[in-house]
Amino acid sequence: MPGPHAPRSSSGRSPSRARGLWLVLVLYLGTLVAAALVTPPVYWWIHGWAAGEVAAGGAEAGGLAAYLAEKGLPRYFDRIRWLLVLAGLPWLCRATGLTSRAALGLTGGRPALRLAAGWLAAGVAMVAGIAGGQLAGGTAELQPADTAPDLLSALAAAALAALLVAVLEELVFRGVIFQLAHRALPAWGSVPVAAGIFAVLHFQKVPSDAWPGGAGGEPVTWTSGFTVAWRSVAAMATTTDLHVLAALFLAGSVLCLLYLRHGTLLAPIGLHAGWVLAAQLHRRFVAVDPAADTAFWGGKNLIDGALPLGLLALLLAGMLLAFRYSAARIGGTGAPEG
């Protein structure tokens, strides 16, 4: 099955290279600025809504407004930015010719659905293995659901989160960004570029008390959105937690190679959904001891240990070997054949 492909010039590079990659940068910077402008008024409106509900009906009447008001300003910024990215995605797709399901890799029919199911199971198994190690090693303990409805509710919420996150992120990072990188570069160049973008955009480590509106932080003003935007970008260069960044890079590389190998976006969607599904259930039913040594098994976010990093490295190595012994040619000038 063919992988991502775009016409190339006689030099081996796509004539649309500069345009496609520059438009990705335009969308990224544009959504940063727009989210910075929109975040403070949305934040104030939610808090005003919550205060009004509490004043009208007491603390118990807060409901959705009270729940949203508990979120920090960075959470508002991140969600608003993602909404703006999704709103701008049709424009980017039209501008770069990714205007059909086939162009985005949403093809394959029933075989691709079976492939997605298999990779979903693999993703769940990876996270379950890490969680099992945490439980066996004494760094975490199981917190089972109190009732069957609680269990079903948690399963439904985790499944919905897995589906939304996997589909949306794979459309953005593999369906669009990776394809635009692959138009301009051979696989050995496009995979690291797309995986690097995936890693740095997921990696934002800033102390919570440093954010506007946070504990000990400055109050939220009209410029607070720009403060959040700057600190989010700067965190990519100022953080010292390279272990997590490496794990995210390996995960992004694996997802790109899955797309190259099978020629359908459903394969990385399946693996990504498996990871998210199991991670959501881990967050709900497994309590990691904050005082425990999690250097090997990983902690609450599952990717900060040696074992998760090793599993991702082994999976990546196995996929590279699969390419070696197949018709696909990693490092060639065209798209590999699965």
Protein backbone atom coordinates (compact mmCIF):
# COMPACT_ATOMS: atom_id res chain seq x y z
CA MET A 1 0.00 0.00 0.00
CA PRO A 2 1.55 3.34 -0.95
CA GLY A 3 2.58 5.77 1.68
CA PRO A 4 2.29 9.57 1.63
CA HIS A 5 3.38 10.92 -1.71
CA ALA A 6 3.55 14.22 -3.57
CA PRO A 7 4.98 15.15 -6.99
CA ARG A 8 8.64 16.07 -6.89
CA SER A 9 10.84 18.14 -9.12
CA SER A 10 13.87 16.77 -11.00
CA SER A 11 16.00 17.59 -7.97
CA GLY A 12 13.90 15.17 -5.89
CA ARG A 13 12.16 17.90 -3.91
CA SER A 14 8.61 19.09 -4.14
CA PRO A 15 8.12 22.47 -5.83
CA SER A 16 5.64 23.38 -3.06
CA ARG A 17 8.18 22.77 -0.28
CA ALA A 18 8.72 26.34 0.88
CA ARG A 19 5.05 27.26 0.62
CA GLY A 20 3.75 24.29 2.58
CA LEU A 21 6.22 24.49 5.44
CA TRP A 22 5.99 28.28 5.68
CA LEU A 23 2.20 28.06 5.86
CA VAL A 24 2.52 25.65 8.80
CA LEU A 25 4.66 28.26 10.56
CA VAL A 26 2.13 30.98 9.71
CA LEU A 27 -0.70 28.91 11.19
CA TYR A 28 1.33 28.16 14.33
CA LEU A 29 2.31 31.79 14.97
CA GLY A 30 -1.13 33.06 14.00
CA THR A 31 -2.90 30.79 16.46
CA LEU A 32 -0.44 31.74 19.22
CA VAL A 33 -1.22 35.43 18.78
CA ALA A 34 -4.96 34.90 18.37
CA ALA A 35 -5.13 32.65 21.45
CA ALA A 36 -3.13 35.22 23.43
CA LEU A 37 -5.71 37.88 22.56
CA VAL A 38 -8.79 35.74 23.19
CA THR A 39 -7.73 33.88 26.35
CA PRO A 40 -8.04 36.68 28.97
CA PRO A 41 -11.64 37.73 28.08
CA VAL A 42 -12.74 34.08 27.95
CA TYR A 43 -11.10 33.52 31.35
CA TRP A 44 -12.89 36.54 32.84
CA TRP A 45 -16.21 35.53 31.32
CA ILE A 46 -16.02 31.99 32.73
CA HIS A 47 -15.13 33.28 36.19
CA GLY A 48 -17.92 35.84 36.05
CA TRP A 49 -20.37 33.12 35.01
CA ALA A 50 -19.23 30.89 37.90
CA ALA A 51 -19.47 33.73 40.41
CA GLY A 52 -22.98 34.57 39.20
CA GLU A 53 -24.15 30.97 39.57
CA VAL A 54 -22.71 30.71 43.07
CA ALA A 55 -24.33 34.00 44.08
CA ALA A 56 -27.68 32.87 42.73
CA GLY A 57 -27.75 29.35 44.12
CA GLY A 58 -24.90 28.74 46.53
CA ALA A 59 -21.61 26.94 46.07
CA GLU A 60 -23.35 23.70 45.07
CA ALA A 61 -24.94 25.42 42.08
CA GLY A 62 -21.64 26.16 40.36
CA GLY A 63 -21.90 23.20 37.95
CA LEU A 64 -20.08 23.47 34.65
CA ALA A 65 -19.06 27.07 35.22
CA ALA A 66 -17.43 26.24 38.55
CA TYR A 67 -15.63 23.28 36.99
CA LEU A 68 -14.24 25.43 34.17
CA ALA A 69 -13.30 28.22 36.57
CA GLU A 70 -10.99 25.81 38.43
CA LYS A 71 -8.79 25.42 35.36
CA GLY A 72 -5.64 27.49 35.10
CA LEU A 73 -5.04 30.14 32.46
CA PRO A 74 -2.64 27.89 30.47
CA ARG A 75 -5.43 25.32 30.07
CA TYR A 76 -7.68 28.01 28.60
CA PHE A 77 -4.88 29.13 26.29
CA ASP A 78 -4.08 25.60 25.14
CA ARG A 79 -7.71 24.68 24.39
CA ILE A 80 -8.41 27.97 22.60
CA ARG A 81 -5.25 27.56 20.52
CA TRP A 82 -6.27 24.04 19.51
CA LEU A 83 -9.72 25.27 18.48
CA LEU A 84 -8.06 27.95 16.37
CA VAL A 85 -5.73 25.38 14.80
CA LEU A 86 -8.71 23.21 13.87
CA ALA A 87 -10.50 26.26 12.49
CA GLY A 88 -7.46 27.11 10.37
CA LEU A 89 -6.82 23.56 9.21
CA PRO A 90 -9.25 23.72 6.23
CA TRP A 91 -7.41 26.81 4.98
CA LEU A 92 -4.05 25.07 5.29
CA CYS A 93 -5.35 21.96 3.53
CA ARG A 94 -6.78 23.98 0.65
CA ALA A 95 -3.59 26.00 0.31
CA THR A 96 -1.44 22.86 0.15
CA GLY A 97 -3.70 20.58 -1.89
CA LEU A 98 -4.68 18.23 0.96
CA THR A 99 -8.36 18.48 0.10
CA SER A 100 -9.62 14.90 0.10
CA ARG A 101 -9.81 11.91 2.42
CA ALA A 102 -7.27 10.12 0.25
CA ALA A 103 -4.86 13.06 0.36
CA LEU A 104 -5.05 13.06 4.17
CA GLY A 105 -4.52 9.31 4.36
CA LEU A 106 -8.01 8.44 5.55
CA THR A 107 -8.23 5.39 3.30
CA GLY A 108 -7.97 1.63 3.46
CA GLY A 109 -11.50 0.40 4.16
CA ARG A 110 -12.00 -2.66 6.35
CA PRO A 111 -8.36 -3.82 6.19
CA ALA A 112 -7.27 -0.44 7.55
CA LEU A 113 -9.88 -0.64 10.31
CA ARG A 114 -8.56 -4.07 11.31
CA LEU A 115 -5.06 -2.64 11.25
CA ALA A 116 -6.16 0.22 13.49
CA ALA A 117 -7.76 -2.21 15.92
CA GLY A 118 -4.56 -4.22 16.11
CA TRP A 119 -2.42 -1.18 16.81
CA LEU A 120 -4.98 0.08 19.36
CA ALA A 121 -4.53 -3.20 21.23
CA ALA A 122 -0.75 -2.81 21.00
CA GLY A 123 -0.94 0.70 22.45
CA VAL A 124 -3.11 -0.46 25.34
CA ALA A 125 -0.74 -3.37 26.00
CA MET A 126 2.29 -1.05 26.17
CA VAL A 127 0.71 1.22 28.77
CA ALA A 128 -0.77 -1.74 30.68
CA GLY A 129 2.70 -3.28 30.89
CA ILE A 130 4.11 -0.09 32.38
CA ALA A 131 1.20 0.19 34.83
CA GLY A 132 1.62 -3.45 35.81
CA GLY A 133 5.28 -2.81 36.52
CA GLN A 134 4.39 0.17 38.69
CA LEU A 135 1.94 -1.92 40.70
CA ALA A 136 4.31 -4.87 41.03
CA GLY A 137 7.23 -2.62 41.93
CA GLY A 138 5.30 -0.90 44.69
CA THR A 139 5.48 2.58 43.18
CA ALA A 140 1.71 2.71 42.67
CA GLU A 141 -1.47 1.15 43.96
CA LEU A 142 -4.75 0.24 42.32
CA GLN A 143 -7.84 2.33 43.06
CA PRO A 144 -10.78 0.33 41.67
CA ALA A 145 -14.13 1.88 40.86
CA ASP A 146 -16.67 1.92 43.67
CA THR A 147 -19.58 0.82 41.50
CA ALA A 148 -20.24 -0.66 38.07
CA PRO A 149 -21.73 2.64 36.80
CA ASP A 150 -18.55 4.43 37.89
CA LEU A 151 -16.47 1.92 35.95
CA LEU A 152 -18.62 2.23 32.83
CA SER A 153 -18.55 6.02 33.06
CA ALA A 154 -14.74 6.01 33.30
CA LEU A 155 -14.45 3.63 30.35
CA ALA A 156 -16.78 5.75 28.22
CA ALA A 157 -14.94 8.97 29.08
CA ALA A 158 -11.56 7.37 28.33
CA ALA A 159 -12.79 5.96 25.01
CA LEU A 160 -14.20 9.32 23.94
CA ALA A 161 -10.98 11.13 24.89
CA ALA A 162 -8.90 8.53 23.04
CA LEU A 163 -10.96 8.86 19.87
CA LEU A 164 -10.97 12.67 19.84
CA VAL A 165 -7.30 13.11 20.70
CA ALA A 166 -6.07 10.41 18.32
CA VAL A 167 -8.13 11.53 15.33
CA LEU A 168 -7.50 15.26 15.74
CA GLU A 169 -3.79 15.00 16.52
CA GLU A 170 -3.09 12.49 13.77
CA LEU A 171 -4.90 14.65 11.24
CA VAL A 172 -2.78 17.63 12.25
CA PHE A 173 0.62 16.03 12.89
CA ARG A 174 0.69 13.12 10.44
CA GLY A 175 -2.07 13.93 7.96
CA VAL A 176 -0.90 17.50 7.34
CA ILE A 177 2.44 18.45 8.95
CA PHE A 178 4.23 15.17 8.21
CA GLN A 179 2.92 15.06 4.68
CA LEU A 180 4.14 18.58 4.00
CA ALA A 181 7.55 17.70 5.43
CA HIS A 182 7.64 14.50 3.35
CA ARG A 183 6.92 16.44 0.17
CA ALA A 184 10.17 18.32 0.69
CA LEU A 185 12.40 15.72 2.29
CA PRO A 186 13.17 12.01 2.08
CA ALA A 187 11.84 9.85 4.90
CA TRP A 188 15.07 10.05 6.90
CA GLY A 189 14.58 13.83 7.04
CA SER A 190 10.82 14.21 7.17
CA VAL A 191 10.29 11.78 10.07
CA PRO A 192 12.65 13.60 12.49
CA VAL A 193 11.24 17.00 11.48
CA ALA A 194 7.61 15.97 12.04
CA ALA A 195 8.47 14.03 15.21
CA GLY A 196 10.38 17.03 16.55
CA ILE A 197 7.40 19.32 15.97
CA PHE A 198 5.13 16.78 17.69
CA ALA A 199 7.50 16.60 20.67
CA VAL A 200 8.04 20.29 21.29
CA LEU A 201 4.36 21.17 20.91
CA HIS A 202 3.47 18.55 23.55
CA PHE A 203 6.27 19.55 25.88
CA GLN A 204 5.39 22.59 27.99
CA LYS A 205 6.84 22.42 31.47
CA VAL A 206 6.46 25.64 33.42
CA PRO A 207 5.82 25.79 37.20
CA SER A 208 2.12 26.34 37.86
CA ASP A 209 2.79 29.25 40.21
CA ALA A 210 4.59 31.09 37.39
CA TRP A 211 1.43 31.47 35.32
CA PRO A 212 -0.85 34.52 35.51
CA GLY A 213 -3.80 33.68 37.73
CA GLY A 214 -1.95 30.80 39.39
CA ALA A 215 -1.04 30.40 43.03
CA GLY A 216 1.48 33.13 43.72
CA GLY A 217 1.29 34.38 40.15
CA GLU A 218 0.34 37.82 38.89
CA PRO A 219 -3.34 38.66 38.19
CA VAL A 220 -4.78 38.09 34.75
CA THR A 221 -4.66 41.18 32.52
CA TRP A 222 -5.11 41.88 28.82
CA THR A 223 -1.45 40.97 28.24
CA SER A 224 -1.52 37.72 30.22
CA GLY A 225 -2.28 35.66 27.13
CA PHE A 226 0.99 36.85 25.58
CA THR A 227 2.81 35.91 28.79
CA VAL A 228 1.44 32.39 28.55
CA ALA A 229 2.30 32.19 24.84
CA TRP A 230 5.88 33.31 25.40
CA ARG A 231 6.46 31.01 28.37
CA SER A 232 4.99 28.05 26.45
CA VAL A 233 7.40 28.64 23.56
CA ALA A 234 10.37 29.40 25.82
CA ALA A 235 9.80 26.20 27.81
CA MET A 236 10.93 24.24 24.76
CA ALA A 237 14.43 25.68 25.16
CA THR A 238 14.67 26.30 28.90
CA THR A 239 13.59 22.92 30.24
CA THR A 240 16.15 20.37 31.39
CA ASP A 241 13.82 17.36 31.33
CA LEU A 242 15.24 15.89 28.14
CA HIS A 243 14.07 12.38 29.08
CA VAL A 244 10.41 13.22 28.50
CA LEU A 245 11.24 15.19 25.36
CA ALA A 246 13.10 12.14 24.00
CA ALA A 247 10.12 9.88 24.72
CA LEU A 248 7.77 12.25 22.89
CA PHE A 249 10.19 12.39 19.95
CA LEU A 250 10.33 8.59 19.76
CA ALA A 251 6.52 8.38 19.96
CA GLY A 252 6.19 10.90 17.13
CA SER A 253 8.73 8.96 15.04
CA VAL A 254 6.85 5.70 15.55
CA LEU A 255 3.57 7.28 14.47
CA CYS A 256 5.18 8.76 11.34
CA LEU A 257 6.72 5.40 10.41
CA LEU A 258 3.38 3.67 10.88
CA TYR A 259 1.88 6.04 8.34
CA LEU A 260 4.76 5.46 5.93
CA ARG A 261 4.63 1.71 6.33
CA HIS A 262 0.89 1.21 5.89
CA GLY A 263 -0.12 4.23 3.81
CA THR A 264 -3.20 4.95 5.91
CA LEU A 265 -3.70 7.37 8.78
CA LEU A 266 -5.83 4.77 10.55
CA ALA A 267 -2.72 2.87 11.67
CA PRO A 268 -1.21 5.72 13.74
CA ILE A 269 -4.71 6.70 14.88
CA GLY A 270 -5.12 3.20 16.32
CA LEU A 271 -1.82 3.21 18.22
CA HIS A 272 -2.32 6.77 19.44
CA ALA A 273 -5.84 5.95 20.62
CA GLY A 274 -4.56 2.90 22.47
CA TRP A 275 -1.99 4.99 24.32
CA VAL A 276 -4.52 7.67 25.27
CA LEU A 277 -7.22 5.17 26.27
CA ALA A 278 -4.90 3.27 28.61
CA ALA A 279 -3.33 6.47 29.95
CA GLN A 280 -6.76 7.87 30.83
CA LEU A 281 -7.68 4.69 32.69
CA HIS A 282 -4.28 4.71 34.41
CA ARG A 283 -4.90 8.26 35.59
CA ARG A 284 -8.31 7.23 36.97
CA PHE A 285 -7.54 3.87 38.56
CA VAL A 286 -3.82 3.87 39.41
CA ALA A 287 -2.39 6.17 42.10
CA VAL A 288 1.36 6.69 41.78
CA ASP A 289 3.19 7.35 45.05
CA PRO A 290 4.69 10.84 44.68
CA ALA A 291 7.50 9.86 47.06
CA ALA A 292 8.43 6.69 45.16
CA ASP A 293 11.40 6.35 42.83
CA THR A 294 9.84 6.36 39.36
CA ALA A 295 13.08 6.55 37.38
CA PHE A 296 12.57 3.07 35.91
CA TRP A 297 8.80 2.46 35.73
CA GLY A 298 7.73 6.05 35.11
CA GLY A 299 5.40 8.24 37.11
CA LYS A 300 1.93 9.66 36.71
CA ASN A 301 2.44 10.81 33.12
CA LEU A 302 3.91 7.38 32.16
CA ILE A 303 6.67 8.65 29.84
CA ASP A 304 9.22 9.85 32.38
CA GLY A 305 10.77 6.47 33.15
CA ALA A 306 13.46 4.29 31.60
CA LEU A 307 11.02 1.47 30.75
CA PRO A 308 8.61 3.61 28.66
CA LEU A 309 11.58 5.12 26.83
CA GLY A 310 13.01 1.67 26.20
CA LEU A 311 9.72 0.30 24.92
CA LEU A 312 9.37 3.17 22.47
CA ALA A 313 12.96 2.69 21.31
CA LEU A 314 12.38 -1.04 20.77
CA LEU A 315 9.18 -0.37 18.84
CA LEU A 316 10.98 2.17 16.65
CA ALA A 317 13.86 -0.23 16.05
CA GLY A 318 11.44 -3.01 15.12
CA MET A 319 9.68 -0.78 12.62
CA LEU A 320 12.97 0.25 11.04
CA LEU A 321 13.89 -3.43 10.67
CA ALA A 322 10.49 -4.07 9.09
CA PHE A 323 11.25 -1.37 6.55
CA ARG A 324 14.63 -2.93 5.87
CA TYR A 325 13.12 -6.29 5.00
CA SER A 326 10.25 -4.91 2.94
CA ALA A 327 9.94 -3.06 -0.31
CA ALA A 328 9.90 0.25 1.59
CA ARG A 329 13.16 2.21 1.44
CA ILE A 330 13.74 4.59 4.36
CA GLY A 331 16.00 7.33 3.12
CA GLY A 332 14.85 7.20 -0.50
CA THR A 333 13.59 10.18 -2.43
CA GLY A 334 10.07 8.86 -2.89
CA ALA A 335 7.45 7.49 -0.57
CA PRO A 336 8.15 3.95 0.57
CA GLU A 337 5.88 1.17 -0.50
CA GLY A 338 4.19 -0.92 2.18
